[in-house]
Each structure stands twice: as structure tokens, then as C-alpha cells.
Amino acid sequence: MAIANGMNRFRGSLSDFVFYTRGKKQVVRKKATSYKLSENTIKSGRDFGEATRNSSYLRKAFKSLVKHYGNDDFHNRLNKNFTRVFNSIPSEMLGNKHLNQGNLKLLEGFQFNTGRKFASLCYARLGVNIDPANFITFTWEKPKDEHFFRLVPNATRTYIQMMVFQYDLDDGGQYECIRLNDLVIEPGKPIDPKISLKLEVDLKGEKALIVAAGIYHDTKGTRSYDKRYFGCMITHALHLKEGVEVPFVEAKEEKMKSPEETGVGTWGSSLNLE
């Protein structure tokens, strides 16, 4: 109910408007209206929360790599990539999406910083061979007629770092992060064209296996923070079940047939009225 205080002055509320005094001025504002979110908006928010939760697991597991290689927008970019994974899940799963339903391959190639791509610094390719008997073999293979990595002026040592994130998709929230020994290379010393490492892990059940690799250099025993010469990326993102990779199959949206294709409701279609 509005209260008049003199000519054309009100205090209180009238319909959707609220009148009040601020200092010596009469002020009127419209009442705040409540907004009810649609069911699809609520479901989308639920899926986004699940995506960012999984993103936070990976970020925490790779904490040391994020510290050494990540830039300021790492957090937002990683969330965006996980959102892409969840967007690859069919729309009929809206509100009930889970990581094991999405295309994990969309995480591969994610750069920890945008200053320099890992592949422009490390020319060797990393191969990952999964043995269902709980073994993973990592193999760095040098390209023919090419250096193992980009040569850096005044570098005294080069370090290639690797971490493996293993996430249990059967029991959400359970994960393990394994830090492999650094591969240390000194300029001028011969390098094997293939360098392999075998790792024993538990591959039972359904798991996500995500591998990240980084490269940096020392200059006279001190790490170089020149952004031109260090980088890190996710090299592999695999969906495994009992140690065997599960390929992602993209769901095809069912296309509605046109009247011409169905023959219903079109001129010239034959109707039997007997």
C-alpha cells in the first residue's frame, strides 16, 4: 500500500513499483520479479557441474605440471575442453551425462600454455601401448633425419617430463596420478632413436587414462623460463575397459523423413478407400 506524503509524493509500494526516499529525493523502482529456470536449463547446469568436477580432478592430479607450464587461463580452457567432451554425449542424456559416455579424444592436444605448442619443441612422437595384463609401454621415437627436440641456445640439459592420470569411471572421484622419471638429455651426447618405459598399473574395470608430457631446458644448471622454449600438452586420452580401449561412437541424430519420402499427405499418393 502506498502512503502519500504531500503533493504527488509516495512512500511504500504500489502495484509493481516501490517508492522510497534517498536523501532528499523521491525514488521509485520496480519490484524484483522471480524467474523460474526451465527444466532443460537446470539439466544443462547439472551436466556443466559434472564436467567442471572432472576437470578439477585432472587439474589437481597434474598440479606440478600446471605450476611449471600452465598460464593464467589454464583453468577456464580446461573446463571448456571438458565441456566439449560432455557436449559430445547425445542430447537425450541431458541432465544425466557422465565422462565415460563422451569423446575423451577431444582432450588430446590440449596445451598447458598458449605461448608455445609442445609439438614445436619436442619432435619425437610418444607411443602408448596398452597390455590388458596391467602394463603400459611408453615409447619416444625420434623422427628420421630430425633432432629429438628443438635445439635451444646455451641449453646445458633438456628435460622431458611425463605424468599419467588414471581415473576410475566405475567409482567416480577415485583417481591415481603417476609421475614418471624425467628423461634427461645432454646436448652433444648420442640419443637412442627409441626410448621405452614400461609401467605396471591396475587396468581392471572401466577407466580414463590421460597422459601429459612437458619439455623444458636448463641453462648452466638453472631452469630457463623463456616461454619460447617450454611447453606441455595432453598427448593421449583413452577410455579403457578391462585394459582394452573403447572407441567413441558418435550418435547420429535421427532425421525426420519428409512427406515426399513417407508418401503421407502428398498429392499423388494412392489411397485405398475400400
C-alpha atoms as a PDB file:
ATOM      1  CA  MET A   1       0.000   0.000   0.000  1.00  0.00           C
ATOM      2  CA  ALA A   2       1.365   3.430  -0.989  1.00  0.00           C
ATOM      3  CA  ILE A   3       1.335   6.323   1.518  1.00  0.00           C
ATOM      4  CA  ALA A   4       1.039   9.868   0.215  1.00  0.00           C
ATOM      5  CA  ASN A   5       3.288  12.466   1.861  1.00  0.00           C
ATOM      6  CA  GLY A   6       2.181  15.706   0.327  1.00  0.00           C
ATOM      7  CA  MET A   7       1.571  16.530  -3.301  1.00  0.00           C
ATOM      8  CA  ASN A   8       2.455  13.596  -5.596  1.00  0.00           C
ATOM      9  CA  ARG A   9       4.756  12.025  -3.057  1.00  0.00           C
ATOM     10  CA  PHE A  10       4.521   8.382  -2.035  1.00  0.00           C
ATOM     11  CA  ARG A  11       6.195   6.064   0.403  1.00  0.00           C
ATOM     12  CA  GLY A  12       5.760   2.295   0.155  1.00  0.00           C
ATOM     13  CA  SER A  13       4.665   0.103  -2.736  1.00  0.00           C
ATOM     14  CA  LEU A  14       2.087   0.490  -5.445  1.00  0.00           C
ATOM     15  CA  SER A  15       1.419  -2.373  -7.838  1.00  0.00           C
ATOM     16  CA  ASP A  16       4.885  -3.422  -9.186  1.00  0.00           C
ATOM     17  CA  PHE A  17       6.597  -0.216  -8.021  1.00  0.00           C
ATOM     18  CA  VAL A  18       8.324   0.678  -4.769  1.00  0.00           C
ATOM     19  CA  PHE A  19       8.622   4.325  -3.689  1.00  0.00           C
ATOM     20  CA  TYR A  20      11.203   5.454  -1.174  1.00  0.00           C
ATOM     21  CA  THR A  21      13.347   8.452  -0.288  1.00  0.00           C
ATOM     22  CA  ARG A  22      17.068   8.577  -0.826  1.00  0.00           C
ATOM     23  CA  GLY A  23      18.471  11.716   0.780  1.00  0.00           C
ATOM     24  CA  LYS A  24      16.069  14.477  -0.296  1.00  0.00           C
ATOM     25  CA  LYS A  25      14.992  12.722  -3.477  1.00  0.00           C
ATOM     26  CA  GLN A  26      11.942  10.572  -4.054  1.00  0.00           C
ATOM     27  CA  VAL A  27      12.981   7.328  -5.785  1.00  0.00           C
ATOM     28  CA  VAL A  28      10.849   4.696  -7.435  1.00  0.00           C
ATOM     29  CA  ARG A  29      11.919   1.236  -8.549  1.00  0.00           C
ATOM     30  CA  LYS A  30      10.214  -1.787  -9.945  1.00  0.00           C
ATOM     31  CA  LYS A  31       9.879  -4.846  -7.743  1.00  0.00           C
ATOM     32  CA  ALA A  32      12.250  -7.678  -8.485  1.00  0.00           C
ATOM     33  CA  THR A  33      10.446 -10.440 -10.299  1.00  0.00           C
ATOM     34  CA  SER A  34      11.224 -14.066  -9.646  1.00  0.00           C
ATOM     35  CA  TYR A  35      12.474 -16.093 -12.592  1.00  0.00           C
ATOM     36  CA  LYS A  36      11.864 -19.781 -12.840  1.00  0.00           C
ATOM     37  CA  LEU A  37      14.539 -21.755 -14.696  1.00  0.00           C
ATOM     38  CA  SER A  38      13.374 -24.148 -17.351  1.00  0.00           C
ATOM     39  CA  GLU A  39      13.870 -27.876 -16.849  1.00  0.00           C
ATOM     40  CA  ASN A  40      16.423 -28.035 -19.683  1.00  0.00           C
ATOM     41  CA  THR A  41      18.406 -25.161 -18.157  1.00  0.00           C
ATOM     42  CA  ILE A  42      18.544 -26.993 -14.824  1.00  0.00           C
ATOM     43  CA  LYS A  43      19.673 -30.187 -16.565  1.00  0.00           C
ATOM     44  CA  SER A  44      22.342 -28.333 -18.562  1.00  0.00           C
ATOM     45  CA  GLY A  45      23.640 -26.779 -15.348  1.00  0.00           C
ATOM     46  CA  ARG A  46      23.852 -30.222 -13.776  1.00  0.00           C
ATOM     47  CA  ASP A  47      25.927 -31.515 -16.712  1.00  0.00           C
ATOM     48  CA  PHE A  48      28.171 -28.447 -16.639  1.00  0.00           C
ATOM     49  CA  GLY A  49      28.820 -29.059 -12.939  1.00  0.00           C
ATOM     50  CA  GLU A  50      29.781 -32.671 -13.698  1.00  0.00           C
ATOM     51  CA  ALA A  51      32.149 -31.503 -16.459  1.00  0.00           C
ATOM     52  CA  THR A  52      33.913 -28.956 -14.232  1.00  0.00           C
ATOM     53  CA  ARG A  53      34.139 -31.501 -11.401  1.00  0.00           C
ATOM     54  CA  ASN A  54      36.046 -33.896 -13.660  1.00  0.00           C
ATOM     55  CA  SER A  55      38.169 -31.015 -14.899  1.00  0.00           C
ATOM     56  CA  SER A  56      39.150 -30.190 -11.309  1.00  0.00           C
ATOM     57  CA  TYR A  57      40.261 -33.801 -10.701  1.00  0.00           C
ATOM     58  CA  LEU A  58      42.659 -33.595 -13.640  1.00  0.00           C
ATOM     59  CA  ARG A  59      43.906 -30.159 -12.649  1.00  0.00           C
ATOM     60  CA  LYS A  60      44.688 -31.343  -9.113  1.00  0.00           C
ATOM     61  CA  ALA A  61      46.350 -34.536 -10.346  1.00  0.00           C
ATOM     62  CA  PHE A  62      48.599 -32.602 -12.739  1.00  0.00           C
ATOM     63  CA  LYS A  63      49.255 -29.880 -10.167  1.00  0.00           C
ATOM     64  CA  SER A  64      53.060 -29.903 -10.563  1.00  0.00           C
ATOM     65  CA  LEU A  65      52.821 -29.675 -14.368  1.00  0.00           C
ATOM     66  CA  VAL A  66      50.248 -26.883 -14.132  1.00  0.00           C
ATOM     67  CA  LYS A  67      52.585 -24.977 -11.808  1.00  0.00           C
ATOM     68  CA  HIS A  68      55.557 -25.239 -14.182  1.00  0.00           C
ATOM     69  CA  TYR A  69      53.794 -24.948 -17.549  1.00  0.00           C
ATOM     70  CA  GLY A  70      50.268 -23.562 -17.091  1.00  0.00           C
ATOM     71  CA  ASN A  71      49.316 -19.970 -17.816  1.00  0.00           C
ATOM     72  CA  ASP A  72      46.625 -17.749 -16.299  1.00  0.00           C
ATOM     73  CA  ASP A  73      43.725 -19.042 -18.378  1.00  0.00           C
ATOM     74  CA  PHE A  74      44.581 -22.740 -17.911  1.00  0.00           C
ATOM     75  CA  HIS A  75      41.612 -23.342 -15.593  1.00  0.00           C
ATOM     76  CA  ASN A  76      38.997 -21.853 -17.935  1.00  0.00           C
ATOM     77  CA  ARG A  77      40.428 -23.501 -21.050  1.00  0.00           C
ATOM     78  CA  LEU A  78      40.488 -26.931 -19.386  1.00  0.00           C
ATOM     79  CA  ASN A  79      36.874 -26.506 -18.242  1.00  0.00           C
ATOM     80  CA  LYS A  80      35.967 -25.578 -21.803  1.00  0.00           C
ATOM     81  CA  ASN A  81      37.608 -28.747 -23.147  1.00  0.00           C
ATOM     82  CA  PHE A  82      35.775 -30.952 -20.664  1.00  0.00           C
ATOM     83  CA  THR A  83      32.544 -29.202 -21.622  1.00  0.00           C
ATOM     84  CA  ARG A  84      33.253 -30.196 -25.243  1.00  0.00           C
ATOM     85  CA  VAL A  85      33.575 -33.819 -24.107  1.00  0.00           C
ATOM     86  CA  PHE A  86      30.202 -33.624 -22.366  1.00  0.00           C
ATOM     87  CA  ASN A  87      28.641 -31.898 -25.382  1.00  0.00           C
ATOM     88  CA  SER A  88      29.595 -34.936 -27.472  1.00  0.00           C
ATOM     89  CA  ILE A  89      27.139 -37.011 -25.424  1.00  0.00           C
ATOM     90  CA  PRO A  90      23.679 -37.385 -27.052  1.00  0.00           C
ATOM     91  CA  SER A  91      21.142 -34.736 -26.045  1.00  0.00           C
ATOM     92  CA  GLU A  92      18.698 -37.354 -24.740  1.00  0.00           C
ATOM     93  CA  MET A  93      21.136 -37.865 -21.840  1.00  0.00           C
ATOM     94  CA  LEU A  94      20.758 -34.207 -20.824  1.00  0.00           C
ATOM     95  CA  GLY A  95      20.961 -33.854 -17.057  1.00  0.00           C
ATOM     96  CA  ASN A  96      22.465 -37.301 -16.572  1.00  0.00           C
ATOM     97  CA  LYS A  97      25.724 -37.156 -18.533  1.00  0.00           C
ATOM     98  CA  HIS A  98      28.900 -38.889 -17.350  1.00  0.00           C
ATOM     99  CA  LEU A  99      32.505 -38.785 -18.534  1.00  0.00           C
ATOM    100  CA  ASN A 100      32.546 -42.371 -19.812  1.00  0.00           C
ATOM    101  CA  GLN A 101      29.810 -41.501 -22.331  1.00  0.00           C
ATOM    102  CA  GLY A 102      31.792 -38.707 -24.005  1.00  0.00           C
ATOM    103  CA  ASN A 103      34.569 -38.492 -26.563  1.00  0.00           C
ATOM    104  CA  LEU A 104      37.732 -38.342 -24.442  1.00  0.00           C
ATOM    105  CA  LYS A 105      39.826 -37.847 -27.593  1.00  0.00           C
ATOM    106  CA  LEU A 106      38.701 -34.210 -27.544  1.00  0.00           C
ATOM    107  CA  LEU A 107      41.149 -33.670 -24.659  1.00  0.00           C
ATOM    108  CA  GLU A 108      44.163 -34.715 -26.746  1.00  0.00           C
ATOM    109  CA  GLY A 109      46.351 -31.840 -27.885  1.00  0.00           C
ATOM    110  CA  PHE A 110      45.290 -29.545 -25.019  1.00  0.00           C
ATOM    111  CA  GLN A 111      48.180 -27.119 -24.375  1.00  0.00           C
ATOM    112  CA  PHE A 112      49.000 -26.175 -20.781  1.00  0.00           C
ATOM    113  CA  ASN A 113      50.032 -22.745 -22.024  1.00  0.00           C
ATOM    114  CA  THR A 114      49.289 -20.915 -25.241  1.00  0.00           C
ATOM    115  CA  GLY A 115      52.768 -19.441 -25.657  1.00  0.00           C
ATOM    116  CA  ARG A 116      54.312 -22.394 -27.491  1.00  0.00           C
ATOM    117  CA  LYS A 117      52.920 -25.721 -28.680  1.00  0.00           C
ATOM    118  CA  PHE A 118      54.614 -28.809 -27.285  1.00  0.00           C
ATOM    119  CA  ALA A 119      54.995 -30.399 -30.749  1.00  0.00           C
ATOM    120  CA  SER A 120      57.052 -27.406 -31.926  1.00  0.00           C
ATOM    121  CA  LEU A 121      59.590 -28.089 -29.134  1.00  0.00           C
ATOM    122  CA  CYS A 122      59.673 -31.890 -28.953  1.00  0.00           C
ATOM    123  CA  TYR A 123      59.875 -33.581 -32.343  1.00  0.00           C
ATOM    124  CA  ALA A 124      59.801 -37.150 -31.032  1.00  0.00           C
ATOM    125  CA  ARG A 125      56.438 -38.907 -31.020  1.00  0.00           C
ATOM    126  CA  LEU A 126      55.110 -40.652 -27.961  1.00  0.00           C
ATOM    127  CA  GLY A 127      53.532 -44.054 -28.493  1.00  0.00           C
ATOM    128  CA  VAL A 128      51.343 -45.685 -25.836  1.00  0.00           C
ATOM    129  CA  ASN A 129      50.809 -49.443 -25.960  1.00  0.00           C
ATOM    130  CA  ILE A 130      48.214 -50.933 -23.598  1.00  0.00           C
ATOM    131  CA  ASP A 131      48.654 -54.514 -22.438  1.00  0.00           C
ATOM    132  CA  PRO A 132      45.460 -55.775 -20.718  1.00  0.00           C
ATOM    133  CA  ALA A 133      47.732 -57.683 -18.319  1.00  0.00           C
ATOM    134  CA  ASN A 134      48.131 -54.403 -16.356  1.00  0.00           C
ATOM    135  CA  PHE A 135      51.084 -52.984 -18.299  1.00  0.00           C
ATOM    136  CA  ILE A 136      51.509 -49.784 -20.309  1.00  0.00           C
ATOM    137  CA  THR A 137      54.561 -49.191 -22.501  1.00  0.00           C
ATOM    138  CA  PHE A 138      55.530 -45.610 -23.393  1.00  0.00           C
ATOM    139  CA  THR A 139      57.899 -45.179 -26.333  1.00  0.00           C
ATOM    140  CA  TRP A 140      59.512 -41.960 -27.535  1.00  0.00           C
ATOM    141  CA  GLU A 141      60.562 -42.356 -31.168  1.00  0.00           C
ATOM    142  CA  LYS A 142      62.804 -39.842 -32.914  1.00  0.00           C
ATOM    143  CA  PRO A 143      61.796 -38.851 -36.457  1.00  0.00           C
ATOM    144  CA  LYS A 144      64.185 -39.795 -39.266  1.00  0.00           C
ATOM    145  CA  ASP A 145      66.726 -37.136 -40.199  1.00  0.00           C
ATOM    146  CA  GLU A 146      65.480 -34.928 -37.395  1.00  0.00           C
ATOM    147  CA  HIS A 147      66.540 -33.932 -33.897  1.00  0.00           C
ATOM    148  CA  PHE A 148      64.800 -35.390 -30.842  1.00  0.00           C
ATOM    149  CA  PHE A 149      63.825 -31.887 -29.811  1.00  0.00           C
ATOM    150  CA  ARG A 150      64.283 -28.294 -30.865  1.00  0.00           C
ATOM    151  CA  LEU A 151      67.808 -27.098 -30.169  1.00  0.00           C
ATOM    152  CA  VAL A 152      67.954 -24.224 -27.709  1.00  0.00           C
ATOM    153  CA  PRO A 153      70.882 -21.767 -27.489  1.00  0.00           C
ATOM    154  CA  ASN A 154      73.059 -22.171 -24.347  1.00  0.00           C
ATOM    155  CA  ALA A 155      70.982 -25.103 -23.027  1.00  0.00           C
ATOM    156  CA  THR A 156      73.031 -27.458 -20.864  1.00  0.00           C
ATOM    157  CA  ARG A 157      70.286 -30.065 -20.318  1.00  0.00           C
ATOM    158  CA  THR A 158      66.844 -30.840 -21.653  1.00  0.00           C
ATOM    159  CA  TYR A 159      64.121 -32.450 -19.534  1.00  0.00           C
ATOM    160  CA  ILE A 160      61.087 -34.282 -20.849  1.00  0.00           C
ATOM    161  CA  GLN A 161      58.517 -34.885 -18.122  1.00  0.00           C
ATOM    162  CA  MET A 162      55.520 -37.207 -18.106  1.00  0.00           C
ATOM    163  CA  MET A 163      52.546 -37.791 -15.853  1.00  0.00           C
ATOM    164  CA  VAL A 164      49.754 -40.348 -16.127  1.00  0.00           C
ATOM    165  CA  PHE A 165      46.260 -39.695 -14.770  1.00  0.00           C
ATOM    166  CA  GLN A 166      44.133 -42.792 -14.232  1.00  0.00           C
ATOM    167  CA  TYR A 167      40.504 -42.100 -13.360  1.00  0.00           C
ATOM    168  CA  ASP A 168      38.127 -44.844 -12.221  1.00  0.00           C
ATOM    169  CA  LEU A 169      34.907 -44.425 -14.221  1.00  0.00           C
ATOM    170  CA  ASP A 170      33.139 -47.153 -12.219  1.00  0.00           C
ATOM    171  CA  ASP A 171      33.575 -45.265  -8.947  1.00  0.00           C
ATOM    172  CA  GLY A 172      33.503 -41.528  -9.683  1.00  0.00           C
ATOM    173  CA  GLY A 173      36.065 -39.500  -7.770  1.00  0.00           C
ATOM    174  CA  GLN A 174      38.691 -42.234  -7.396  1.00  0.00           C
ATOM    175  CA  TYR A 175      41.840 -41.458  -9.344  1.00  0.00           C
ATOM    176  CA  GLU A 176      45.580 -42.037  -9.337  1.00  0.00           C
ATOM    177  CA  CYS A 177      48.353 -39.864 -10.725  1.00  0.00           C
ATOM    178  CA  ILE A 178      51.744 -41.357 -11.588  1.00  0.00           C
ATOM    179  CA  ARG A 179      54.837 -39.224 -12.160  1.00  0.00           C
ATOM    180  CA  LEU A 180      57.374 -40.935 -14.408  1.00  0.00           C
ATOM    181  CA  ASN A 181      61.093 -40.338 -14.116  1.00  0.00           C
ATOM    182  CA  ASP A 182      62.252 -37.372 -16.181  1.00  0.00           C
ATOM    183  CA  LEU A 183      64.009 -38.118 -19.435  1.00  0.00           C
ATOM    184  CA  VAL A 184      67.232 -36.081 -19.203  1.00  0.00           C
ATOM    185  CA  ILE A 185      69.164 -35.311 -22.386  1.00  0.00           C
ATOM    186  CA  GLU A 186      72.506 -33.539 -22.586  1.00  0.00           C
ATOM    187  CA  PRO A 187      73.484 -31.746 -25.792  1.00  0.00           C
ATOM    188  CA  GLY A 188      76.200 -33.462 -27.803  1.00  0.00           C
ATOM    189  CA  LYS A 189      75.550 -36.895 -26.325  1.00  0.00           C
ATOM    190  CA  PRO A 190      74.044 -39.627 -28.526  1.00  0.00           C
ATOM    191  CA  ILE A 191      70.318 -40.370 -28.113  1.00  0.00           C
ATOM    192  CA  ASP A 192      68.694 -43.704 -28.859  1.00  0.00           C
ATOM    193  CA  PRO A 193      66.138 -43.358 -31.666  1.00  0.00           C
ATOM    194  CA  LYS A 194      63.678 -45.219 -29.421  1.00  0.00           C
ATOM    195  CA  ILE A 195      63.353 -44.785 -25.670  1.00  0.00           C
ATOM    196  CA  SER A 196      60.820 -47.022 -23.913  1.00  0.00           C
ATOM    197  CA  LEU A 197      59.475 -47.303 -20.397  1.00  0.00           C
ATOM    198  CA  LYS A 198      57.148 -49.996 -19.062  1.00  0.00           C
ATOM    199  CA  LEU A 199      54.716 -49.115 -16.308  1.00  0.00           C
ATOM    200  CA  GLU A 200      52.616 -51.509 -14.243  1.00  0.00           C
ATOM    201  CA  VAL A 201      49.154 -50.218 -13.380  1.00  0.00           C
ATOM    202  CA  ASP A 202      45.761 -51.603 -12.407  1.00  0.00           C
ATOM    203  CA  LEU A 203      43.670 -51.733 -15.579  1.00  0.00           C
ATOM    204  CA  LYS A 204      40.710 -53.635 -14.144  1.00  0.00           C
ATOM    205  CA  GLY A 205      37.283 -52.115 -14.641  1.00  0.00           C
ATOM    206  CA  GLU A 206      36.434 -49.013 -16.649  1.00  0.00           C
ATOM    207  CA  LYS A 207      38.981 -46.214 -16.613  1.00  0.00           C
ATOM    208  CA  ALA A 208      40.018 -42.990 -18.270  1.00  0.00           C
ATOM    209  CA  LEU A 209      43.762 -42.836 -18.944  1.00  0.00           C
ATOM    210  CA  ILE A 210      45.163 -39.370 -19.658  1.00  0.00           C
ATOM    211  CA  VAL A 211      48.856 -38.748 -20.395  1.00  0.00           C
ATOM    212  CA  ALA A 212      50.584 -35.351 -20.301  1.00  0.00           C
ATOM    213  CA  ALA A 213      54.131 -34.541 -21.400  1.00  0.00           C
ATOM    214  CA  GLY A 214      56.210 -31.402 -20.924  1.00  0.00           C
ATOM    215  CA  ILE A 215      59.624 -30.169 -22.029  1.00  0.00           C
ATOM    216  CA  TYR A 216      61.950 -27.549 -20.573  1.00  0.00           C
ATOM    217  CA  HIS A 217      65.672 -26.711 -20.555  1.00  0.00           C
ATOM    218  CA  ASP A 218      68.400 -25.873 -18.085  1.00  0.00           C
ATOM    219  CA  THR A 219      70.926 -23.117 -18.701  1.00  0.00           C
ATOM    220  CA  LYS A 220      74.029 -23.559 -16.548  1.00  0.00           C
ATOM    221  CA  GLY A 221      72.086 -25.595 -14.010  1.00  0.00           C
ATOM    222  CA  THR A 222      69.157 -23.177 -13.751  1.00  0.00           C
ATOM    223  CA  ARG A 223      65.802 -23.765 -15.363  1.00  0.00           C
ATOM    224  CA  SER A 224      65.056 -21.441 -18.237  1.00  0.00           C
ATOM    225  CA  TYR A 225      61.664 -19.716 -18.043  1.00  0.00           C
ATOM    226  CA  ASP A 226      61.868 -18.367 -21.573  1.00  0.00           C
ATOM    227  CA  LYS A 227      58.349 -19.033 -22.854  1.00  0.00           C
ATOM    228  CA  ARG A 228      59.689 -19.761 -26.325  1.00  0.00           C
ATOM    229  CA  TYR A 229      61.346 -22.976 -25.117  1.00  0.00           C
ATOM    230  CA  PHE A 230      58.999 -24.783 -22.740  1.00  0.00           C
ATOM    231  CA  GLY A 231      55.586 -26.343 -23.184  1.00  0.00           C
ATOM    232  CA  CYS A 232      53.285 -29.141 -22.090  1.00  0.00           C
ATOM    233  CA  MET A 233      50.234 -30.870 -23.515  1.00  0.00           C
ATOM    234  CA  ILE A 234      47.865 -33.812 -23.120  1.00  0.00           C
ATOM    235  CA  THR A 235      49.232 -36.366 -25.580  1.00  0.00           C
ATOM    236  CA  HIS A 236      46.742 -39.195 -25.008  1.00  0.00           C
ATOM    237  CA  ALA A 237      43.232 -39.504 -23.571  1.00  0.00           C
ATOM    238  CA  LEU A 238      41.905 -43.062 -23.625  1.00  0.00           C
ATOM    239  CA  HIS A 239      38.711 -44.758 -22.480  1.00  0.00           C
ATOM    240  CA  LEU A 240      39.612 -48.270 -21.292  1.00  0.00           C
ATOM    241  CA  LYS A 241      37.552 -51.236 -20.201  1.00  0.00           C
ATOM    242  CA  GLU A 242      39.488 -54.177 -18.756  1.00  0.00           C
ATOM    243  CA  GLY A 243      42.627 -52.779 -20.370  1.00  0.00           C
ATOM    244  CA  VAL A 244      41.121 -52.542 -23.864  1.00  0.00           C
ATOM    245  CA  GLU A 245      40.447 -49.175 -25.489  1.00  0.00           C
ATOM    246  CA  VAL A 246      36.771 -48.385 -26.052  1.00  0.00           C
ATOM    247  CA  PRO A 247      36.323 -46.357 -29.263  1.00  0.00           C
ATOM    248  CA  PHE A 248      33.881 -43.475 -29.155  1.00  0.00           C
ATOM    249  CA  VAL A 249      30.909 -43.955 -31.446  1.00  0.00           C
ATOM    250  CA  GLU A 250      29.175 -40.720 -32.320  1.00  0.00           C
ATOM    251  CA  ALA A 251      25.417 -40.991 -32.031  1.00  0.00           C
ATOM    252  CA  LYS A 252      23.573 -39.987 -35.175  1.00  0.00           C
ATOM    253  CA  GLU A 253      20.602 -37.714 -34.751  1.00  0.00           C
ATOM    254  CA  GLU A 254      17.513 -39.346 -36.226  1.00  0.00           C
ATOM    255  CA  LYS A 255      16.442 -37.369 -39.262  1.00  0.00           C
ATOM    256  CA  MET A 256      12.733 -36.792 -39.753  1.00  0.00           C
ATOM    257  CA  LYS A 257      11.548 -38.018 -43.130  1.00  0.00           C
ATOM    258  CA  SER A 258       9.870 -35.549 -45.440  1.00  0.00           C
ATOM    259  CA  PRO A 259       6.285 -36.097 -46.638  1.00  0.00           C
ATOM    260  CA  GLU A 260       7.694 -36.981 -50.068  1.00  0.00           C
ATOM    261  CA  GLU A 261       9.759 -39.798 -48.504  1.00  0.00           C
ATOM    262  CA  THR A 262       6.884 -41.197 -46.449  1.00  0.00           C
ATOM    263  CA  GLY A 263       4.208 -40.736 -49.080  1.00  0.00           C
ATOM    264  CA  VAL A 264       1.832 -39.357 -46.451  1.00  0.00           C
ATOM    265  CA  GLY A 265      -0.060 -36.127 -47.038  1.00  0.00           C
ATOM    266  CA  THR A 266       1.295 -35.579 -50.535  1.00  0.00           C
ATOM    267  CA  TRP A 267      -0.602 -35.143 -53.766  1.00  0.00           C
ATOM    268  CA  GLY A 268      -0.401 -38.171 -55.983  1.00  0.00           C
ATOM    269  CA  SER A 269      -0.198 -40.759 -53.178  1.00  0.00           C
ATOM    270  CA  SER A 270      -2.504 -43.713 -53.690  1.00  0.00           C
ATOM    271  CA  LEU A 271      -5.264 -44.228 -51.118  1.00  0.00           C
ATOM    272  CA  ASN A 272      -7.409 -47.335 -50.932  1.00  0.00           C
ATOM    273  CA  LEU A 273     -10.779 -46.325 -49.606  1.00  0.00           C
ATOM    274  CA  GLU A 274     -12.448 -49.699 -49.987  1.00  0.00           C
END
